[in-house]
Amino acid sequence: MLVRMGRLNLLIDLDRWRRNLLDQGLIEAPVDGGIASRAGLIADLHGDPADRIIVATALEGHRLITADPQILDWPGPLNRLPATD
């Protein structure tokens, strides 16, 4: 959706980009019921459901790389790395 809206520019096809990342060792974290429940309980984070699921997934012990200022500014205990210019 970000590619279609012009908010993310990729030089290669999205599916090919994903496959390349997986080939380089990226591990996809599955979203389960526990993550969904945690997403609804996160305090002090805006209401975007996708962002809440992303943060809840990262809270499972993953490091989140993001350029989203609302997630970067969230005061919670999130292991995050800014992916900003």
PDB file of N, CA and C in Angstrom:
ATOM      1  N   MET A   1       0.819  -1.188   0.000  1.00  0.00           N
ATOM      2  CA  MET A   1       0.000   0.000   0.000  1.00  0.00           C
ATOM      3  C   MET A   1       0.866   1.255   0.000  1.00  0.00           C
ATOM      4  N   LEU A   2       1.973   1.226   0.752  1.00  0.00           N
ATOM      5  CA  LEU A   2       2.858   2.397   0.774  1.00  0.00           C
ATOM      6  C   LEU A   2       3.479   2.650  -0.590  1.00  0.00           C
ATOM      7  N   VAL A   3       3.783   1.590  -1.311  1.00  0.00           N
ATOM      8  CA  VAL A   3       4.329   1.740  -2.673  1.00  0.00           C
ATOM      9  C   VAL A   3       3.271   2.370  -3.569  1.00  0.00           C
ATOM     10  N   ARG A   4       2.042   1.854  -3.504  1.00  0.00           N
ATOM     11  CA  ARG A   4       0.958   2.392  -4.340  1.00  0.00           C
ATOM     12  C   ARG A   4       0.654   3.849  -4.017  1.00  0.00           C
ATOM     13  N   MET A   5       0.779   4.240  -2.743  1.00  0.00           N
ATOM     14  CA  MET A   5       0.487   5.618  -2.340  1.00  0.00           C
ATOM     15  C   MET A   5       1.665   6.554  -2.592  1.00  0.00           C
ATOM     16  N   GLY A   6       2.803   5.999  -3.038  1.00  0.00           N
ATOM     17  CA  GLY A   6       3.965   6.830  -3.312  1.00  0.00           C
ATOM     18  C   GLY A   6       4.762   7.201  -2.080  1.00  0.00           C
ATOM     19  N   ARG A   7       4.493   6.547  -0.951  1.00  0.00           N
ATOM     20  CA  ARG A   7       5.225   6.847   0.287  1.00  0.00           C
ATOM     21  C   ARG A   7       6.475   5.989   0.433  1.00  0.00           C
ATOM     22  N   LEU A   8       6.588   4.952  -0.391  1.00  0.00           N
ATOM     23  CA  LEU A   8       7.749   4.071  -0.377  1.00  0.00           C
ATOM     24  C   LEU A   8       8.122   3.773  -1.819  1.00  0.00           C
ATOM     25  N   ASN A   9       9.362   4.032  -2.166  1.00  0.00           N
ATOM     26  CA  ASN A   9       9.833   3.776  -3.524  1.00  0.00           C
ATOM     27  C   ASN A   9      10.792   2.600  -3.515  1.00  0.00           C
ATOM     28  N   LEU A  10      10.468   1.580  -4.280  1.00  0.00           N
ATOM     29  CA  LEU A  10      11.329   0.416  -4.406  1.00  0.00           C
ATOM     30  C   LEU A  10      11.842   0.339  -5.837  1.00  0.00           C
ATOM     31  N   LEU A  11      13.092  -0.042  -5.981  1.00  0.00           N
ATOM     32  CA  LEU A  11      13.687  -0.160  -7.302  1.00  0.00           C
ATOM     33  C   LEU A  11      13.409  -1.513  -7.942  1.00  0.00           C
ATOM     34  N   ILE A  12      12.886  -2.459  -7.135  1.00  0.00           N
ATOM     35  CA  ILE A  12      12.530  -3.773  -7.659  1.00  0.00           C
ATOM     36  C   ILE A  12      11.121  -4.125  -7.205  1.00  0.00           C
ATOM     37  N   ASP A  13      10.550  -5.152  -7.813  1.00  0.00           N
ATOM     38  CA  ASP A  13       9.227  -5.643  -7.470  1.00  0.00           C
ATOM     39  C   ASP A  13       9.154  -5.981  -5.980  1.00  0.00           C
ATOM     40  N   LEU A  14       8.039  -5.676  -5.340  1.00  0.00           N
ATOM     41  CA  LEU A  14       7.877  -5.870  -3.901  1.00  0.00           C
ATOM     42  C   LEU A  14       8.106  -7.325  -3.484  1.00  0.00           C
ATOM     43  N   ASP A  15       7.547  -8.273  -4.232  1.00  0.00           N
ATOM     44  CA  ASP A  15       7.729  -9.678  -3.873  1.00  0.00           C
ATOM     45  C   ASP A  15       9.191 -10.100  -4.028  1.00  0.00           C
ATOM     46  N   ARG A  16       9.835  -9.606  -5.052  1.00  0.00           N
ATOM     47  CA  ARG A  16      11.268  -9.921  -5.237  1.00  0.00           C
ATOM     48  C   ARG A  16      12.096  -9.330  -4.101  1.00  0.00           C
ATOM     49  N   TRP A  17      11.766  -8.118  -3.667  1.00  0.00           N
ATOM     50  CA  TRP A  17      12.459  -7.465  -2.548  1.00  0.00           C
ATOM     51  C   TRP A  17      12.330  -8.318  -1.287  1.00  0.00           C
ATOM     52  N   ARG A  18      11.093  -8.790  -1.019  1.00  0.00           N
ATOM     53  CA  ARG A  18      10.858  -9.646   0.146  1.00  0.00           C
ATOM     54  C   ARG A  18      11.683 -10.924   0.059  1.00  0.00           C
ATOM     55  N   ARG A  19      11.669 -11.574  -1.090  1.00  0.00           N
ATOM     56  CA  ARG A  19      12.449 -12.810  -1.250  1.00  0.00           C
ATOM     57  C   ARG A  19      13.937 -12.554  -1.042  1.00  0.00           C
ATOM     58  N   ASN A  20      14.436 -11.433  -1.548  1.00  0.00           N
ATOM     59  CA  ASN A  20      15.856 -11.088  -1.354  1.00  0.00           C
ATOM     60  C   ASN A  20      16.173 -10.914   0.129  1.00  0.00           C
ATOM     61  N   LEU A  21      15.298 -10.250   0.853  1.00  0.00           N
ATOM     62  CA  LEU A  21      15.516 -10.062   2.293  1.00  0.00           C
ATOM     63  C   LEU A  21      15.512 -11.399   3.030  1.00  0.00           C
ATOM     64  N   LEU A  22      14.584 -12.276   2.674  1.00  0.00           N
ATOM     65  CA  LEU A  22      14.540 -13.600   3.303  1.00  0.00           C
ATOM     66  C   LEU A  22      15.806 -14.385   2.990  1.00  0.00           C
ATOM     67  N   ASP A  23      16.288 -14.282   1.755  1.00  0.00           N
ATOM     68  CA  ASP A  23      17.527 -14.959   1.367  1.00  0.00           C
ATOM     69  C   ASP A  23      18.729 -14.448   2.149  1.00  0.00           C
ATOM     70  N   GLN A  24      18.660 -13.182   2.600  1.00  0.00           N
ATOM     71  CA  GLN A  24      19.755 -12.586   3.358  1.00  0.00           C
ATOM     72  C   GLN A  24      19.623 -12.819   4.867  1.00  0.00           C
ATOM     73  N   GLY A  25      18.594 -13.563   5.279  1.00  0.00           N
ATOM     74  CA  GLY A  25      18.471 -13.917   6.686  1.00  0.00           C
ATOM     75  C   GLY A  25      17.352 -13.241   7.449  1.00  0.00           C
ATOM     76  N   LEU A  26      16.574 -12.384   6.804  1.00  0.00           N
ATOM     77  CA  LEU A  26      15.440 -11.774   7.490  1.00  0.00           C
ATOM     78  C   LEU A  26      14.489 -12.873   7.934  1.00  0.00           C
ATOM     79  N   ILE A  27      13.992 -12.766   9.150  1.00  0.00           N
ATOM     80  CA  ILE A  27      13.044 -13.740   9.675  1.00  0.00           C
ATOM     81  C   ILE A  27      11.687 -13.060   9.817  1.00  0.00           C
ATOM     82  N   GLU A  28      10.686 -13.629   9.194  1.00  0.00           N
ATOM     83  CA  GLU A  28       9.337 -13.095   9.325  1.00  0.00           C
ATOM     84  C   GLU A  28       8.731 -13.603  10.631  1.00  0.00           C
ATOM     85  N   ALA A  29       8.119 -12.706  11.364  1.00  0.00           N
ATOM     86  CA  ALA A  29       7.480 -13.062  12.631  1.00  0.00           C
ATOM     87  C   ALA A  29       5.982 -13.238  12.378  1.00  0.00           C
ATOM     88  N   PRO A  30       5.443 -14.411  12.673  1.00  0.00           N
ATOM     89  CA  PRO A  30       4.006 -14.618  12.448  1.00  0.00           C
ATOM     90  C   PRO A  30       3.169 -13.828  13.453  1.00  0.00           C
ATOM     91  N   VAL A  31       2.017 -13.376  13.012  1.00  0.00           N
ATOM     92  CA  VAL A  31       1.081 -12.676  13.892  1.00  0.00           C
ATOM     93  C   VAL A  31       0.090 -13.711  14.407  1.00  0.00           C
ATOM     94  N   ASP A  32      -0.005 -13.821  15.734  1.00  0.00           N
ATOM     95  CA  ASP A  32      -0.921 -14.787  16.332  1.00  0.00           C
ATOM     96  C   ASP A  32      -1.894 -14.060  17.265  1.00  0.00           C
ATOM     97  N   GLY A  33      -2.711 -14.824  17.938  1.00  0.00           N
ATOM     98  CA  GLY A  33      -3.717 -14.235  18.832  1.00  0.00           C
ATOM     99  C   GLY A  33      -3.126 -13.430  19.967  1.00  0.00           C
ATOM    100  N   GLY A  34      -1.982 -13.873  20.500  1.00  0.00           N
ATOM    101  CA  GLY A  34      -1.335 -13.129  21.575  1.00  0.00           C
ATOM    102  C   GLY A  34      -0.883 -11.749  21.125  1.00  0.00           C
ATOM    103  N   ILE A  35      -0.339 -11.684  19.926  1.00  0.00           N
ATOM    104  CA  ILE A  35       0.085 -10.388  19.379  1.00  0.00           C
ATOM    105  C   ILE A  35      -1.140  -9.513  19.137  1.00  0.00           C
ATOM    106  N   ALA A  36      -2.201 -10.095  18.605  1.00  0.00           N
ATOM    107  CA  ALA A  36      -3.424  -9.324  18.364  1.00  0.00           C
ATOM    108  C   ALA A  36      -3.986  -8.769  19.668  1.00  0.00           C
ATOM    109  N   SER A  37      -3.983  -9.575  20.719  1.00  0.00           N
ATOM    110  CA  SER A  37      -4.468  -9.089  22.016  1.00  0.00           C
ATOM    111  C   SER A  37      -3.593  -7.975  22.556  1.00  0.00           C
ATOM    112  N   ARG A  38      -2.279  -8.164  22.491  1.00  0.00           N
ATOM    113  CA  ARG A  38      -1.356  -7.151  22.981  1.00  0.00           C
ATOM    114  C   ARG A  38      -1.526  -5.846  22.202  1.00  0.00           C
ATOM    115  N   ALA A  39      -1.771  -5.940  20.903  1.00  0.00           N
ATOM    116  CA  ALA A  39      -1.927  -4.737  20.070  1.00  0.00           C
ATOM    117  C   ALA A  39      -3.056  -3.862  20.595  1.00  0.00           C
ATOM    118  N   GLY A  40      -4.134  -4.488  21.055  1.00  0.00           N
ATOM    119  CA  GLY A  40      -5.257  -3.716  21.575  1.00  0.00           C
ATOM    120  C   GLY A  40      -5.013  -3.121  22.940  1.00  0.00           C
ATOM    121  N   LEU A  41      -4.016  -3.621  23.643  1.00  0.00           N
ATOM    122  CA  LEU A  41      -3.753  -3.168  25.009  1.00  0.00           C
ATOM    123  C   LEU A  41      -2.604  -2.177  25.137  1.00  0.00           C
ATOM    124  N   ILE A  42      -1.907  -1.889  24.045  1.00  0.00           N
ATOM    125  CA  ILE A  42      -0.754  -0.987  24.105  1.00  0.00           C
ATOM    126  C   ILE A  42      -1.211   0.411  24.520  1.00  0.00           C
ATOM    127  N   ALA A  43      -0.603   0.930  25.558  1.00  0.00           N
ATOM    128  CA  ALA A  43      -0.945   2.268  26.059  1.00  0.00           C
ATOM    129  C   ALA A  43      -0.147   3.339  25.323  1.00  0.00           C
ATOM    130  N   ASP A  44      -0.750   4.488  25.176  1.00  0.00           N
ATOM    131  CA  ASP A  44      -0.082   5.685  24.648  1.00  0.00           C
ATOM    132  C   ASP A  44       0.400   5.548  23.204  1.00  0.00           C
ATOM    133  N   LEU A  45      -0.217   4.667  22.428  1.00  0.00           N
ATOM    134  CA  LEU A  45       0.117   4.552  21.000  1.00  0.00           C
ATOM    135  C   LEU A  45      -1.141   4.881  20.210  1.00  0.00           C
ATOM    136  N   HIS A  46      -0.981   5.619  19.120  1.00  0.00           N
ATOM    137  CA  HIS A  46      -2.137   6.014  18.317  1.00  0.00           C
ATOM    138  C   HIS A  46      -2.940   4.786  17.874  1.00  0.00           C
ATOM    139  N   GLY A  47      -4.103   5.007  17.302  1.00  0.00           N
ATOM    140  CA  GLY A  47      -5.043   3.934  17.046  1.00  0.00           C
ATOM    141  C   GLY A  47      -4.903   3.161  15.756  1.00  0.00           C
ATOM    142  N   ASP A  48      -3.901   3.439  14.937  1.00  0.00           N
ATOM    143  CA  ASP A  48      -3.760   2.716  13.670  1.00  0.00           C
ATOM    144  C   ASP A  48      -3.547   1.225  13.952  1.00  0.00           C
ATOM    145  N   PRO A  49      -4.478   0.358  13.525  1.00  0.00           N
ATOM    146  CA  PRO A  49      -4.364  -1.061  13.843  1.00  0.00           C
ATOM    147  C   PRO A  49      -3.087  -1.707  13.292  1.00  0.00           C
ATOM    148  N   ALA A  50      -2.672  -1.319  12.100  1.00  0.00           N
ATOM    149  CA  ALA A  50      -1.460  -1.912  11.521  1.00  0.00           C
ATOM    150  C   ALA A  50      -0.235  -1.555  12.360  1.00  0.00           C
ATOM    151  N   ASP A  51      -0.118  -0.298  12.771  1.00  0.00           N
ATOM    152  CA  ASP A  51       1.010   0.110  13.609  1.00  0.00           C
ATOM    153  C   ASP A  51       0.984  -0.614  14.948  1.00  0.00           C
ATOM    154  N   ARG A  52      -0.203  -0.808  15.500  1.00  0.00           N
ATOM    155  CA  ARG A  52      -0.316  -1.503  16.781  1.00  0.00           C
ATOM    156  C   ARG A  52       0.134  -2.962  16.649  1.00  0.00           C
ATOM    157  N   ILE A  53      -0.206  -3.610  15.538  1.00  0.00           N
ATOM    158  CA  ILE A  53       0.227  -4.995  15.316  1.00  0.00           C
ATOM    159  C   ILE A  53       1.741  -5.046  15.116  1.00  0.00           C
ATOM    160  N   ILE A  54       2.293  -4.078  14.390  1.00  0.00           N
ATOM    161  CA  ILE A  54       3.744  -4.023  14.183  1.00  0.00           C
ATOM    162  C   ILE A  54       4.465  -3.877  15.520  1.00  0.00           C
ATOM    163  N   VAL A  55       4.015  -2.952  16.346  1.00  0.00           N
ATOM    164  CA  VAL A  55       4.654  -2.722  17.646  1.00  0.00           C
ATOM    165  C   VAL A  55       4.473  -3.942  18.551  1.00  0.00           C
ATOM    166  N   ALA A  56       3.276  -4.505  18.581  1.00  0.00           N
ATOM    167  CA  ALA A  56       3.032  -5.683  19.421  1.00  0.00           C
ATOM    168  C   ALA A  56       3.916  -6.851  18.997  1.00  0.00           C
ATOM    169  N   THR A  57       4.138  -6.997  17.706  1.00  0.00           N
ATOM    170  CA  THR A  57       5.020  -8.058  17.212  1.00  0.00           C
ATOM    171  C   THR A  57       6.448  -7.805  17.672  1.00  0.00           C
ATOM    172  N   ALA A  58       6.899  -6.568  17.549  1.00  0.00           N
ATOM    173  CA  ALA A  58       8.265  -6.234  17.977  1.00  0.00           C
ATOM    174  C   ALA A  58       8.445  -6.451  19.478  1.00  0.00           C
ATOM    175  N   LEU A  59       7.396  -6.248  20.244  1.00  0.00           N
ATOM    176  CA  LEU A  59       7.479  -6.443  21.695  1.00  0.00           C
ATOM    177  C   LEU A  59       7.678  -7.913  22.084  1.00  0.00           C
ATOM    178  N   GLU A  60       7.578  -8.806  21.123  1.00  0.00           N
ATOM    179  CA  GLU A  60       7.834 -10.235  21.358  1.00  0.00           C
ATOM    180  C   GLU A  60       9.335 -10.525  21.420  1.00  0.00           C
ATOM    181  N   GLY A  61      10.160  -9.481  21.377  1.00  0.00           N
ATOM    182  CA  GLY A  61      11.608  -9.667  21.458  1.00  0.00           C
ATOM    183  C   GLY A  61      12.326  -9.409  20.157  1.00  0.00           C
ATOM    184  N   HIS A  62      11.666  -8.715  19.236  1.00  0.00           N
ATOM    185  CA  HIS A  62      12.265  -8.411  17.940  1.00  0.00           C
ATOM    186  C   HIS A  62      12.698  -6.952  17.892  1.00  0.00           C
ATOM    187  N   ARG A  63      13.645  -6.656  17.052  1.00  0.00           N
ATOM    188  CA  ARG A  63      14.067  -5.272  16.834  1.00  0.00           C
ATOM    189  C   ARG A  63      13.304  -4.726  15.646  1.00  0.00           C
ATOM    190  N   LEU A  64      12.722  -3.556  15.807  1.00  0.00           N
ATOM    191  CA  LEU A  64      11.920  -2.930  14.766  1.00  0.00           C
ATOM    192  C   LEU A  64      12.716  -1.826  14.095  1.00  0.00           C
ATOM    193  N   ILE A  65      12.807  -1.889  12.791  1.00  0.00           N
ATOM    194  CA  ILE A  65      13.431  -0.838  11.996  1.00  0.00           C
ATOM    195  C   ILE A  65      12.294  -0.085  11.319  1.00  0.00           C
ATOM    196  N   THR A  66      12.175   1.204  11.620  1.00  0.00           N
ATOM    197  CA  THR A  66      11.065   1.988  11.086  1.00  0.00           C
ATOM    198  C   THR A  66      11.456   3.451  10.917  1.00  0.00           C
ATOM    199  N   ALA A  67      10.776   4.094   9.991  1.00  0.00           N
ATOM    200  CA  ALA A  67      10.912   5.543   9.819  1.00  0.00           C
ATOM    201  C   ALA A  67       9.657   6.256  10.315  1.00  0.00           C
ATOM    202  N   ASP A  68       8.714   5.509  10.855  1.00  0.00           N
ATOM    203  CA  ASP A  68       7.455   6.083  11.311  1.00  0.00           C
ATOM    204  C   ASP A  68       7.692   6.922  12.564  1.00  0.00           C
ATOM    205  N   PRO A  69       7.496   8.238  12.490  1.00  0.00           N
ATOM    206  CA  PRO A  69       7.786   9.099  13.639  1.00  0.00           C
ATOM    207  C   PRO A  69       6.906   8.797  14.840  1.00  0.00           C
ATOM    208  N   GLN A  70       5.676   8.350  14.625  1.00  0.00           N
ATOM    209  CA  GLN A  70       4.805   8.060  15.763  1.00  0.00           C
ATOM    210  C   GLN A  70       5.293   6.829  16.523  1.00  0.00           C
ATOM    211  N   ILE A  71       5.824   5.853  15.814  1.00  0.00           N
ATOM    212  CA  ILE A  71       6.373   4.674  16.487  1.00  0.00           C
ATOM    213  C   ILE A  71       7.715   5.017  17.126  1.00  0.00           C
ATOM    214  N   LEU A  72       8.529   5.785  16.430  1.00  0.00           N
ATOM    215  CA  LEU A  72       9.833   6.174  16.989  1.00  0.00           C
ATOM    216  C   LEU A  72       9.667   7.015  18.250  1.00  0.00           C
ATOM    217  N   ASP A  73       8.625   7.835  18.310  1.00  0.00           N
ATOM    218  CA  ASP A  73       8.396   8.707  19.460  1.00  0.00           C
ATOM    219  C   ASP A  73       7.609   8.033  20.583  1.00  0.00           C
ATOM    220  N   TRP A  74       7.086   6.848  20.324  1.00  0.00           N
ATOM    221  CA  TRP A  74       6.311   6.155  21.355  1.00  0.00           C
ATOM    222  C   TRP A  74       7.210   5.887  22.557  1.00  0.00           C
ATOM    223  N   PRO A  75       6.765   6.208  23.772  1.00  0.00           N
ATOM    224  CA  PRO A  75       7.635   6.096  24.946  1.00  0.00           C
ATOM    225  C   PRO A  75       7.783   4.686  25.514  1.00  0.00           C
ATOM    226  N   GLY A  76       7.148   3.718  24.911  1.00  0.00           N
ATOM    227  CA  GLY A  76       7.191   2.357  25.445  1.00  0.00           C
ATOM    228  C   GLY A  76       8.539   1.661  25.244  1.00  0.00           C
ATOM    229  N   PRO A  77       8.686   0.488  25.881  1.00  0.00           N
ATOM    230  CA  PRO A  77       9.944  -0.258  25.886  1.00  0.00           C
ATOM    231  C   PRO A  77      10.148  -1.066  24.605  1.00  0.00           C
ATOM    232  N   LEU A  78      10.387  -0.390  23.517  1.00  0.00           N
ATOM    233  CA  LEU A  78      10.491  -1.027  22.208  1.00  0.00           C
ATOM    234  C   LEU A  78      11.934  -0.960  21.714  1.00  0.00           C
ATOM    235  N   ASN A  79      12.473  -2.084  21.303  1.00  0.00           N
ATOM    236  CA  ASN A  79      13.809  -2.135  20.705  1.00  0.00           C
ATOM    237  C   ASN A  79      13.655  -1.692  19.255  1.00  0.00           C
ATOM    238  N   ARG A  80      13.994  -0.440  18.972  1.00  0.00           N
ATOM    239  CA  ARG A  80      13.763   0.129  17.638  1.00  0.00           C
ATOM    240  C   ARG A  80      15.018   0.779  17.090  1.00  0.00           C
ATOM    241  N   LEU A  81      15.082   0.804  15.791  1.00  0.00           N
ATOM    242  CA  LEU A  81      16.185   1.429  15.082  1.00  0.00           C
ATOM    243  C   LEU A  81      15.581   2.372  14.049  1.00  0.00           C
ATOM    244  N   PRO A  82      15.921   3.661  14.110  1.00  0.00           N
ATOM    245  CA  PRO A  82      15.350   4.596  13.127  1.00  0.00           C
ATOM    246  C   PRO A  82      15.903   4.320  11.731  1.00  0.00           C
ATOM    247  N   ALA A  83      14.983   4.260  10.779  1.00  0.00           N
ATOM    248  CA  ALA A  83      15.362   4.081   9.366  1.00  0.00           C
ATOM    249  C   ALA A  83      15.052   5.366   8.622  1.00  0.00           C
ATOM    250  N   THR A  84      15.560   6.469   9.136  1.00  0.00           N
ATOM    251  CA  THR A  84      15.280   7.763   8.551  1.00  0.00           C
ATOM    252  C   THR A  84      16.486   8.267   7.770  1.00  0.00           C
ATOM    253  N   ASP A  85      16.219   9.225   6.916  1.00  0.00           N
ATOM    254  CA  ASP A  85      17.294   9.816   6.098  1.00  0.00           C
ATOM    255  C   ASP A  85      18.235  10.619   6.962  1.00  0.00           C
TER     256      ASP A  85
END
